[in-house]
């Protein structure tokens, strides 16, 4: 029973973290890798507690990119490219993954509330 409650607590904590990410992520088009790291840490908690894989809901590493910083110096026939520090990705990618995993977890953890299709 104690192990079950510990697992349930970890799942609730992870769900709270994922919900918080969704509510607080910056509104910019591109966001830093820090958001993905926080999100993946929350997924790790659920995977450990439920002993399942949530790989389908992770942001693929190849979606993280270096991004040019504004204001590169342009000389005749030469451009110096400066990059922002760290890796960046489109905000919408993370939001899509967050919505998907939240829906999945709700179906998984509350089977009596399952509604398949587009019914209200």
C-alpha atoms as a PDB file:
ATOM      1  CA  UNK A   1       0.000   0.000   0.000  1.00  0.00           C
ATOM      2  CA  UNK A   2       2.830   2.371   0.861  1.00  0.00           C
ATOM      3  CA  UNK A   3       4.468   1.749  -2.530  1.00  0.00           C
ATOM      4  CA  UNK A   4       1.156   2.387  -4.296  1.00  0.00           C
ATOM      5  CA  UNK A   5       0.725   5.712  -2.487  1.00  0.00           C
ATOM      6  CA  UNK A   6       4.307   6.725  -3.279  1.00  0.00           C
ATOM      7  CA  UNK A   7       3.710   5.932  -6.953  1.00  0.00           C
ATOM      8  CA  UNK A   8       0.428   7.814  -6.954  1.00  0.00           C
ATOM      9  CA  UNK A   9       2.142  10.805  -5.357  1.00  0.00           C
ATOM     10  CA  UNK A  10       4.886  10.763  -8.007  1.00  0.00           C
ATOM     11  CA  UNK A  11       2.273  10.665 -10.768  1.00  0.00           C
ATOM     12  CA  UNK A  12       0.326  13.558  -9.245  1.00  0.00           C
ATOM     13  CA  UNK A  13       3.533  15.578  -8.887  1.00  0.00           C
ATOM     14  CA  UNK A  14       4.503  14.888 -12.491  1.00  0.00           C
ATOM     15  CA  UNK A  15       1.023  15.809 -13.703  1.00  0.00           C
ATOM     16  CA  UNK A  16       1.220  19.065 -11.727  1.00  0.00           C
ATOM     17  CA  UNK A  17       4.618  19.851 -13.244  1.00  0.00           C
ATOM     18  CA  UNK A  18       3.393  19.144 -16.771  1.00  0.00           C
ATOM     19  CA  UNK A  19       0.299  21.299 -16.201  1.00  0.00           C
ATOM     20  CA  UNK A  20       2.480  24.090 -14.873  1.00  0.00           C
ATOM     21  CA  UNK A  21       4.724  23.922 -17.919  1.00  0.00           C
ATOM     22  CA  UNK A  22       1.692  24.273 -20.155  1.00  0.00           C
ATOM     23  CA  UNK A  23       0.416  27.284 -18.215  1.00  0.00           C
ATOM     24  CA  UNK A  24       3.741  29.077 -17.769  1.00  0.00           C
ATOM     25  CA  UNK A  25       5.764  28.435 -20.920  1.00  0.00           C
ATOM     26  CA  UNK A  26       6.823  31.640 -22.571  1.00  0.00           C
ATOM     27  CA  UNK A  27       4.641  32.851 -25.444  1.00  0.00           C
ATOM     28  CA  UNK A  28       7.630  33.262 -27.771  1.00  0.00           C
ATOM     29  CA  UNK A  29       7.734  31.287 -31.020  1.00  0.00           C
ATOM     30  CA  UNK A  30      10.949  29.592 -29.921  1.00  0.00           C
ATOM     31  CA  UNK A  31      11.740  28.488 -26.397  1.00  0.00           C
ATOM     32  CA  UNK A  32      14.890  27.200 -24.745  1.00  0.00           C
ATOM     33  CA  UNK A  33      15.820  23.607 -24.151  1.00  0.00           C
ATOM     34  CA  UNK A  34      15.312  24.143 -20.399  1.00  0.00           C
ATOM     35  CA  UNK A  35      11.566  23.668 -20.911  1.00  0.00           C
ATOM     36  CA  UNK A  36      12.136  20.291 -22.580  1.00  0.00           C
ATOM     37  CA  UNK A  37      14.453  19.170 -19.795  1.00  0.00           C
ATOM     38  CA  UNK A  38      11.842  20.026 -17.152  1.00  0.00           C
ATOM     39  CA  UNK A  39       9.123  18.264 -19.166  1.00  0.00           C
ATOM     40  CA  UNK A  40      11.232  15.144 -19.711  1.00  0.00           C
ATOM     41  CA  UNK A  41      12.026  15.019 -15.969  1.00  0.00           C
ATOM     42  CA  UNK A  42       8.287  14.927 -15.263  1.00  0.00           C
ATOM     43  CA  UNK A  43       7.833  12.127 -17.819  1.00  0.00           C
ATOM     44  CA  UNK A  44      10.642  10.191 -16.117  1.00  0.00           C
ATOM     45  CA  UNK A  45       8.677  10.290 -12.845  1.00  0.00           C
ATOM     46  CA  UNK A  46       5.588   8.804 -14.498  1.00  0.00           C
ATOM     47  CA  UNK A  47       7.581   6.149 -16.351  1.00  0.00           C
ATOM     48  CA  UNK A  48       9.240   5.045 -13.124  1.00  0.00           C
ATOM     49  CA  UNK A  49       6.003   5.039 -11.117  1.00  0.00           C
ATOM     50  CA  UNK A  50       3.968   3.142 -13.715  1.00  0.00           C
ATOM     51  CA  UNK A  51       6.807   1.105 -15.246  1.00  0.00           C
ATOM     52  CA  UNK A  52       5.811   2.180 -18.762  1.00  0.00           C
ATOM     53  CA  UNK A  53       7.491   4.007 -21.623  1.00  0.00           C
ATOM     54  CA  UNK A  54       6.326   7.486 -22.604  1.00  0.00           C
ATOM     55  CA  UNK A  55       8.797   7.865 -25.481  1.00  0.00           C
ATOM     56  CA  UNK A  56       5.978   8.810 -27.874  1.00  0.00           C
ATOM     57  CA  UNK A  57       5.383  11.947 -25.812  1.00  0.00           C
ATOM     58  CA  UNK A  58       8.985  13.174 -25.669  1.00  0.00           C
ATOM     59  CA  UNK A  59      10.289  16.039 -27.783  1.00  0.00           C
ATOM     60  CA  UNK A  60      12.655  14.428 -30.301  1.00  0.00           C
ATOM     61  CA  UNK A  61      16.264  15.575 -29.901  1.00  0.00           C
ATOM     62  CA  UNK A  62      16.438  16.458 -33.608  1.00  0.00           C
ATOM     63  CA  UNK A  63      13.783  19.154 -33.074  1.00  0.00           C
ATOM     64  CA  UNK A  64      16.212  21.091 -30.845  1.00  0.00           C
ATOM     65  CA  UNK A  65      18.345  23.479 -32.920  1.00  0.00           C
ATOM     66  CA  UNK A  66      20.903  26.207 -32.627  1.00  0.00           C
ATOM     67  CA  UNK A  67      19.297  29.535 -33.477  1.00  0.00           C
ATOM     68  CA  UNK A  68      20.872  32.613 -35.014  1.00  0.00           C
ATOM     69  CA  UNK A  69      21.010  35.625 -32.753  1.00  0.00           C
ATOM     70  CA  UNK A  70      19.696  38.925 -34.078  1.00  0.00           C
ATOM     71  CA  UNK A  71      22.201  41.499 -35.230  1.00  0.00           C
ATOM     72  CA  UNK A  72      24.875  39.485 -37.011  1.00  0.00           C
ATOM     73  CA  UNK A  73      27.590  41.615 -38.594  1.00  0.00           C
ATOM     74  CA  UNK A  74      27.356  41.809 -42.370  1.00  0.00           C
ATOM     75  CA  UNK A  75      30.440  42.806 -44.335  1.00  0.00           C
ATOM     76  CA  UNK A  76      30.732  42.781 -48.122  1.00  0.00           C
ATOM     77  CA  UNK A  77      30.737  39.144 -49.236  1.00  0.00           C
ATOM     78  CA  UNK A  78      30.933  37.959 -45.631  1.00  0.00           C
ATOM     79  CA  UNK A  79      28.477  37.475 -42.821  1.00  0.00           C
ATOM     80  CA  UNK A  80      29.429  36.612 -39.284  1.00  0.00           C
ATOM     81  CA  UNK A  81      26.746  34.377 -37.838  1.00  0.00           C
ATOM     82  CA  UNK A  82      26.195  34.554 -34.113  1.00  0.00           C
ATOM     83  CA  UNK A  83      24.061  32.003 -32.354  1.00  0.00           C
ATOM     84  CA  UNK A  84      21.947  32.231 -29.235  1.00  0.00           C
ATOM     85  CA  UNK A  85      23.292  30.221 -26.350  1.00  0.00           C
ATOM     86  CA  UNK A  86      21.886  26.711 -25.974  1.00  0.00           C
ATOM     87  CA  UNK A  87      19.375  24.806 -28.054  1.00  0.00           C
ATOM     88  CA  UNK A  88      15.918  26.058 -29.031  1.00  0.00           C
ATOM     89  CA  UNK A  89      12.735  24.647 -30.498  1.00  0.00           C
ATOM     90  CA  UNK A  90       9.249  25.693 -31.523  1.00  0.00           C
ATOM     91  CA  UNK A  91       6.944  26.266 -28.568  1.00  0.00           C
ATOM     92  CA  UNK A  92       4.073  24.549 -30.379  1.00  0.00           C
ATOM     93  CA  UNK A  93       5.992  21.251 -30.449  1.00  0.00           C
ATOM     94  CA  UNK A  94       6.148  21.091 -26.665  1.00  0.00           C
ATOM     95  CA  UNK A  95       2.537  22.175 -26.232  1.00  0.00           C
ATOM     96  CA  UNK A  96       1.387  19.411 -28.571  1.00  0.00           C
ATOM     97  CA  UNK A  97       3.371  16.813 -26.622  1.00  0.00           C
ATOM     98  CA  UNK A  98       2.090  18.159 -23.279  1.00  0.00           C
ATOM     99  CA  UNK A  99      -1.539  17.986 -24.441  1.00  0.00           C
ATOM    100  CA  UNK A 100      -1.037  14.468 -25.782  1.00  0.00           C
ATOM    101  CA  UNK A 101       0.531  13.083 -22.601  1.00  0.00           C
ATOM    102  CA  UNK A 102      -2.059  14.777 -20.372  1.00  0.00           C
ATOM    103  CA  UNK A 103      -4.857  13.191 -22.406  1.00  0.00           C
ATOM    104  CA  UNK A 104      -3.130   9.819 -22.312  1.00  0.00           C
ATOM    105  CA  UNK A 105      -2.612   9.929 -18.562  1.00  0.00           C
ATOM    106  CA  UNK A 106      -6.222  10.924 -17.955  1.00  0.00           C
ATOM    107  CA  UNK A 107      -7.422   7.940 -20.001  1.00  0.00           C
ATOM    108  CA  UNK A 108      -4.905   5.620 -18.374  1.00  0.00           C
ATOM    109  CA  UNK A 109      -5.556   6.654 -14.786  1.00  0.00           C
ATOM    110  CA  UNK A 110      -9.316   7.190 -14.957  1.00  0.00           C
ATOM    111  CA  UNK A 111     -10.695   4.447 -17.199  1.00  0.00           C
ATOM    112  CA  UNK A 112     -14.263   5.128 -16.041  1.00  0.00           C
ATOM    113  CA  UNK A 113     -14.076   8.591 -17.653  1.00  0.00           C
ATOM    114  CA  UNK A 114     -12.938   7.332 -21.060  1.00  0.00           C
ATOM    115  CA  UNK A 115     -14.742   8.904 -23.970  1.00  0.00           C
ATOM    116  CA  UNK A 116     -13.583   7.861 -27.392  1.00  0.00           C
ATOM    117  CA  UNK A 117     -14.431  10.105 -30.322  1.00  0.00           C
ATOM    118  CA  UNK A 118     -15.569  13.697 -30.412  1.00  0.00           C
ATOM    119  CA  UNK A 119     -18.547  13.437 -28.078  1.00  0.00           C
ATOM    120  CA  UNK A 120     -19.080  16.087 -25.417  1.00  0.00           C
END
